[in-house]
N, C-alpha and C. Protein backbone atom coordinates (compact mmCIF):
# COMPACT_ATOMS: atom_id res chain seq x y z
N MET A 1 0.89 -0.96 0.01
CA MET A 1 0.16 -0.11 -0.07
C MET A 1 0.88 1.26 0.04
N SER A 2 0.59 2.32 -1.07
CA SER A 2 1.41 3.43 -1.08
C SER A 2 1.16 4.36 0.28
N GLY A 3 1.82 5.34 0.40
CA GLY A 3 1.66 6.32 1.27
C GLY A 3 0.36 7.05 1.34
N ILE A 4 0.00 7.48 0.09
CA ILE A 4 -1.34 8.17 -0.30
C ILE A 4 -2.53 7.14 0.31
N GLN A 5 -2.55 6.01 -0.11
CA GLN A 5 -3.48 5.15 0.25
C GLN A 5 -3.40 4.78 1.81
N ARG A 6 -2.55 4.84 2.56
CA ARG A 6 -2.52 4.90 3.94
C ARG A 6 -3.06 5.90 4.63
N THR A 7 -2.74 7.06 3.93
CA THR A 7 -3.22 8.46 4.42
C THR A 7 -4.93 8.46 4.39
N ALA A 8 -5.14 8.26 3.14
CA ALA A 8 -6.64 8.27 2.65
C ALA A 8 -7.37 7.17 3.67
N LEU A 9 -6.89 6.15 3.90
CA LEU A 9 -7.58 5.00 4.81
C LEU A 9 -7.51 5.53 6.23
N THR A 10 -6.70 5.99 6.74
CA THR A 10 -6.47 6.72 7.86
C THR A 10 -7.49 7.88 8.00
N LEU A 11 -7.72 8.66 7.22
CA LEU A 11 -8.55 9.76 7.24
C LEU A 11 -10.08 9.27 7.21
N ALA A 12 -10.30 8.25 6.35
CA ALA A 12 -11.66 7.56 6.15
C ALA A 12 -12.06 6.87 7.77
N ILE A 13 -11.07 6.33 8.37
CA ILE A 13 -11.33 5.91 9.66
C ILE A 13 -11.64 6.87 10.70
N ILE A 14 -10.76 7.87 10.85
CA ILE A 14 -11.30 9.15 11.39
C ILE A 14 -12.54 9.57 11.22
N GLY A 15 -12.92 9.68 10.10
CA GLY A 15 -14.18 10.15 9.67
C GLY A 15 -15.28 9.16 10.22
N ALA A 16 -15.19 7.89 10.03
CA ALA A 16 -15.84 6.75 10.45
C ALA A 16 -16.11 6.87 12.00
N ILE A 17 -15.06 7.13 12.69
CA ILE A 17 -15.10 7.28 14.08
C ILE A 17 -15.91 8.43 14.39
N ASN A 18 -15.77 9.60 13.92
CA ASN A 18 -16.57 10.78 13.94
C ASN A 18 -18.05 10.57 13.77
N TRP A 19 -18.38 9.85 12.71
CA TRP A 19 -19.81 9.38 12.47
C TRP A 19 -20.35 8.67 13.46
N GLY A 20 -19.36 7.68 13.93
CA GLY A 20 -20.05 6.97 15.10
C GLY A 20 -20.32 7.54 16.48
N LEU A 21 -19.51 8.54 16.70
CA LEU A 21 -19.61 9.44 17.84
C LEU A 21 -21.10 10.15 17.90
N ILE A 22 -21.08 10.72 16.53
CA ILE A 22 -22.42 11.50 16.06
C ILE A 22 -23.67 10.53 16.27
N GLY A 23 -23.61 9.36 15.77
CA GLY A 23 -24.57 8.45 15.94
C GLY A 23 -25.02 7.71 17.25
N PHE A 24 -24.09 7.64 18.07
CA PHE A 24 -24.20 6.84 19.22
C PHE A 24 -24.54 8.00 20.37
N PHE A 25 -23.77 9.14 20.25
CA PHE A 25 -23.67 10.16 21.47
C PHE A 25 -24.13 11.37 21.11
N ARG A 26 -24.34 11.58 19.69
CA ARG A 26 -24.85 13.14 19.46
C ARG A 26 -23.80 13.78 19.64
N PHE A 27 -22.33 13.58 19.24
CA PHE A 27 -21.27 14.45 19.87
C PHE A 27 -20.47 14.40 18.32
N ASP A 28 -20.31 15.65 17.98
CA ASP A 28 -19.31 15.83 16.59
C ASP A 28 -18.00 16.32 17.11
N LEU A 29 -16.97 15.32 17.23
CA LEU A 29 -15.68 15.62 17.59
C LEU A 29 -15.01 16.72 16.71
N VAL A 30 -15.05 16.82 15.40
CA VAL A 30 -14.39 17.57 14.46
C VAL A 30 -15.00 19.18 14.96
N ALA A 31 -16.38 19.17 15.05
CA ALA A 31 -17.08 20.43 15.31
C ALA A 31 -16.55 20.96 16.76
N ALA A 32 -16.48 20.06 17.70
CA ALA A 32 -16.13 20.26 19.14
C ALA A 32 -14.54 21.15 19.08
N ILE A 33 -13.77 20.26 18.37
CA ILE A 33 -12.25 20.82 18.32
C ILE A 33 -11.91 22.01 17.50
N PHE A 34 -12.80 22.20 16.51
CA PHE A 34 -12.26 23.33 15.58
C PHE A 34 -13.33 24.36 15.36
N GLY A 35 -14.26 24.51 16.29
CA GLY A 35 -15.20 25.54 16.58
C GLY A 35 -16.40 25.51 15.83
N GLY A 36 -17.26 24.33 15.82
CA GLY A 36 -18.56 24.28 15.37
C GLY A 36 -18.59 23.66 13.85
N GLN A 37 -19.58 23.48 13.42
CA GLN A 37 -19.85 22.63 12.20
C GLN A 37 -19.82 23.87 10.95
N ALA A 38 -20.06 25.00 11.32
CA ALA A 38 -20.22 26.05 10.14
C ALA A 38 -18.76 26.66 10.12
N ALA A 39 -17.77 26.66 10.99
CA ALA A 39 -16.45 27.05 11.15
C ALA A 39 -15.64 26.71 9.86
N ALA A 40 -15.14 27.45 9.19
CA ALA A 40 -14.31 27.27 7.75
C ALA A 40 -12.96 26.19 8.16
N PHE A 41 -12.54 25.97 9.44
CA PHE A 41 -11.46 24.96 9.21
C PHE A 41 -12.51 23.68 9.25
N SER A 42 -13.43 23.66 10.05
CA SER A 42 -14.17 22.19 10.19
C SER A 42 -14.54 21.85 8.80
N ARG A 43 -15.03 22.80 7.99
CA ARG A 43 -15.58 22.44 6.61
C ARG A 43 -14.40 21.92 5.74
N VAL A 44 -13.19 22.43 5.99
CA VAL A 44 -12.02 22.12 5.32
C VAL A 44 -11.85 20.51 5.70
N ILE A 45 -11.75 20.33 7.13
CA ILE A 45 -11.53 18.75 7.60
C ILE A 45 -12.42 17.92 7.08
N TYR A 46 -14.02 18.25 7.03
CA TYR A 46 -14.84 17.43 6.50
C TYR A 46 -14.59 17.27 4.97
N ALA A 47 -14.25 18.20 4.23
CA ALA A 47 -14.26 17.95 2.80
C ALA A 47 -12.95 16.94 2.66
N ILE A 48 -11.89 17.11 3.30
CA ILE A 48 -10.65 16.39 3.19
C ILE A 48 -11.12 14.85 3.54
N VAL A 49 -11.74 14.63 4.57
CA VAL A 49 -12.08 13.15 4.85
C VAL A 49 -13.02 12.79 3.85
N GLY A 50 -13.84 13.36 3.21
CA GLY A 50 -14.71 13.16 2.23
C GLY A 50 -13.97 12.81 1.02
N LEU A 51 -13.00 13.58 0.49
CA LEU A 51 -12.02 12.98 -0.42
C LEU A 51 -11.49 11.82 -0.20
N ALA A 52 -10.95 11.74 1.11
CA ALA A 52 -10.28 10.39 1.33
C ALA A 52 -11.06 9.17 1.24
N GLY A 53 -12.42 9.36 1.55
CA GLY A 53 -13.25 8.23 1.39
C GLY A 53 -13.70 8.21 0.29
N LEU A 54 -13.67 8.87 -0.85
CA LEU A 54 -13.96 8.94 -2.15
C LEU A 54 -12.59 7.83 -2.84
N TYR A 55 -11.34 8.33 -2.32
CA TYR A 55 -10.38 7.89 -2.82
C TYR A 55 -10.18 6.37 -2.49
N CYS A 56 -10.56 5.99 -1.14
CA CYS A 56 -10.78 4.83 -0.67
C CYS A 56 -11.62 3.65 -1.59
N ILE A 57 -12.45 4.18 -2.37
CA ILE A 57 -13.22 3.35 -3.13
C ILE A 57 -12.43 2.77 -4.31
N SER A 58 -11.30 3.63 -4.69
CA SER A 58 -10.23 3.06 -5.66
C SER A 58 -9.44 1.63 -5.07
N ILE A 59 -9.31 1.97 -3.70
CA ILE A 59 -8.71 0.81 -3.16
C ILE A 59 -9.49 -0.44 -3.08
N LEU A 60 -10.70 -0.18 -2.86
CA LEU A 60 -11.58 -1.53 -2.75
C LEU A 60 -11.61 -2.30 -3.97
N PHE A 61 -11.51 -1.82 -5.22
CA PHE A 61 -11.55 -2.21 -6.44
C PHE A 61 -10.00 -2.72 -7.02
N LYS A 62 -9.09 -2.72 -6.39
CA LYS A 62 -7.80 -2.85 -6.74
C LYS A 62 -7.56 -4.30 -6.83
N PRO A 63 -6.89 -5.03 -7.66
CA PRO A 63 -6.58 -6.40 -7.74
C PRO A 63 -5.52 -6.50 -6.42
N ASP A 64 -5.63 -7.58 -5.75
CA ASP A 64 -4.86 -8.04 -4.56
C ASP A 64 -3.41 -7.97 -5.05
N GLU A 65 -3.00 -8.24 -6.02
CA GLU A 65 -1.69 -8.24 -6.69
C GLU A 65 -1.07 -7.01 -6.47
N GLU A 66 -1.87 -5.69 -6.73
CA GLU A 66 -1.25 -4.43 -6.84
C GLU A 66 -1.33 -3.92 -5.35
N LEU A 67 -1.91 -4.44 -4.19
CA LEU A 67 -1.99 -4.05 -3.16
C LEU A 67 -0.69 -4.55 -2.23
N GLU A 68 -0.51 -5.65 -2.54
CA GLU A 68 0.51 -6.65 -1.76
C GLU A 68 1.81 -6.37 -2.71
N ARG A 69 2.94 -5.82 -2.12
CA ARG A 69 4.33 -5.61 -2.71
C ARG A 69 5.31 -6.43 -2.26
N VAL A 70 5.78 -7.38 -3.16
CA VAL A 70 6.59 -8.41 -2.70
C VAL A 70 7.74 -7.95 -3.28
N PRO A 71 8.87 -7.93 -2.45
CA PRO A 71 10.19 -7.47 -3.07
C PRO A 71 10.73 -8.37 -3.78
N GLU A 72 11.45 -8.08 -4.79
CA GLU A 72 12.03 -8.83 -5.68
C GLU A 72 13.28 -9.13 -5.39
N THR A 73 13.63 -10.57 -5.48
CA THR A 73 14.91 -10.88 -5.01
C THR A 73 16.13 -10.69 -6.26
N GLN A 74 17.26 -10.35 -6.08
CA GLN A 74 18.06 -10.27 -7.33
C GLN A 74 18.60 -11.76 -7.63
N LYS A 75 18.97 -11.95 -8.94
CA LYS A 75 19.26 -13.33 -9.33
C LYS A 75 20.82 -13.31 -9.64
């Protein structure tokens, strides 16, 4: 997995945790940290997490061979 794939997956997981907090406890962690849902920085965080989630769709449909990198041995 490349660095951008790991970053996107991490951001998607953070977003999922935030949605879980909203669903179970009615607590929006991003809004609490960055000054409410309407704050500009909160909206940027939501947008970045959303883009990361969209990028993770491409990871879902990649063949297993592309995800697992096996180092080649020299002959």
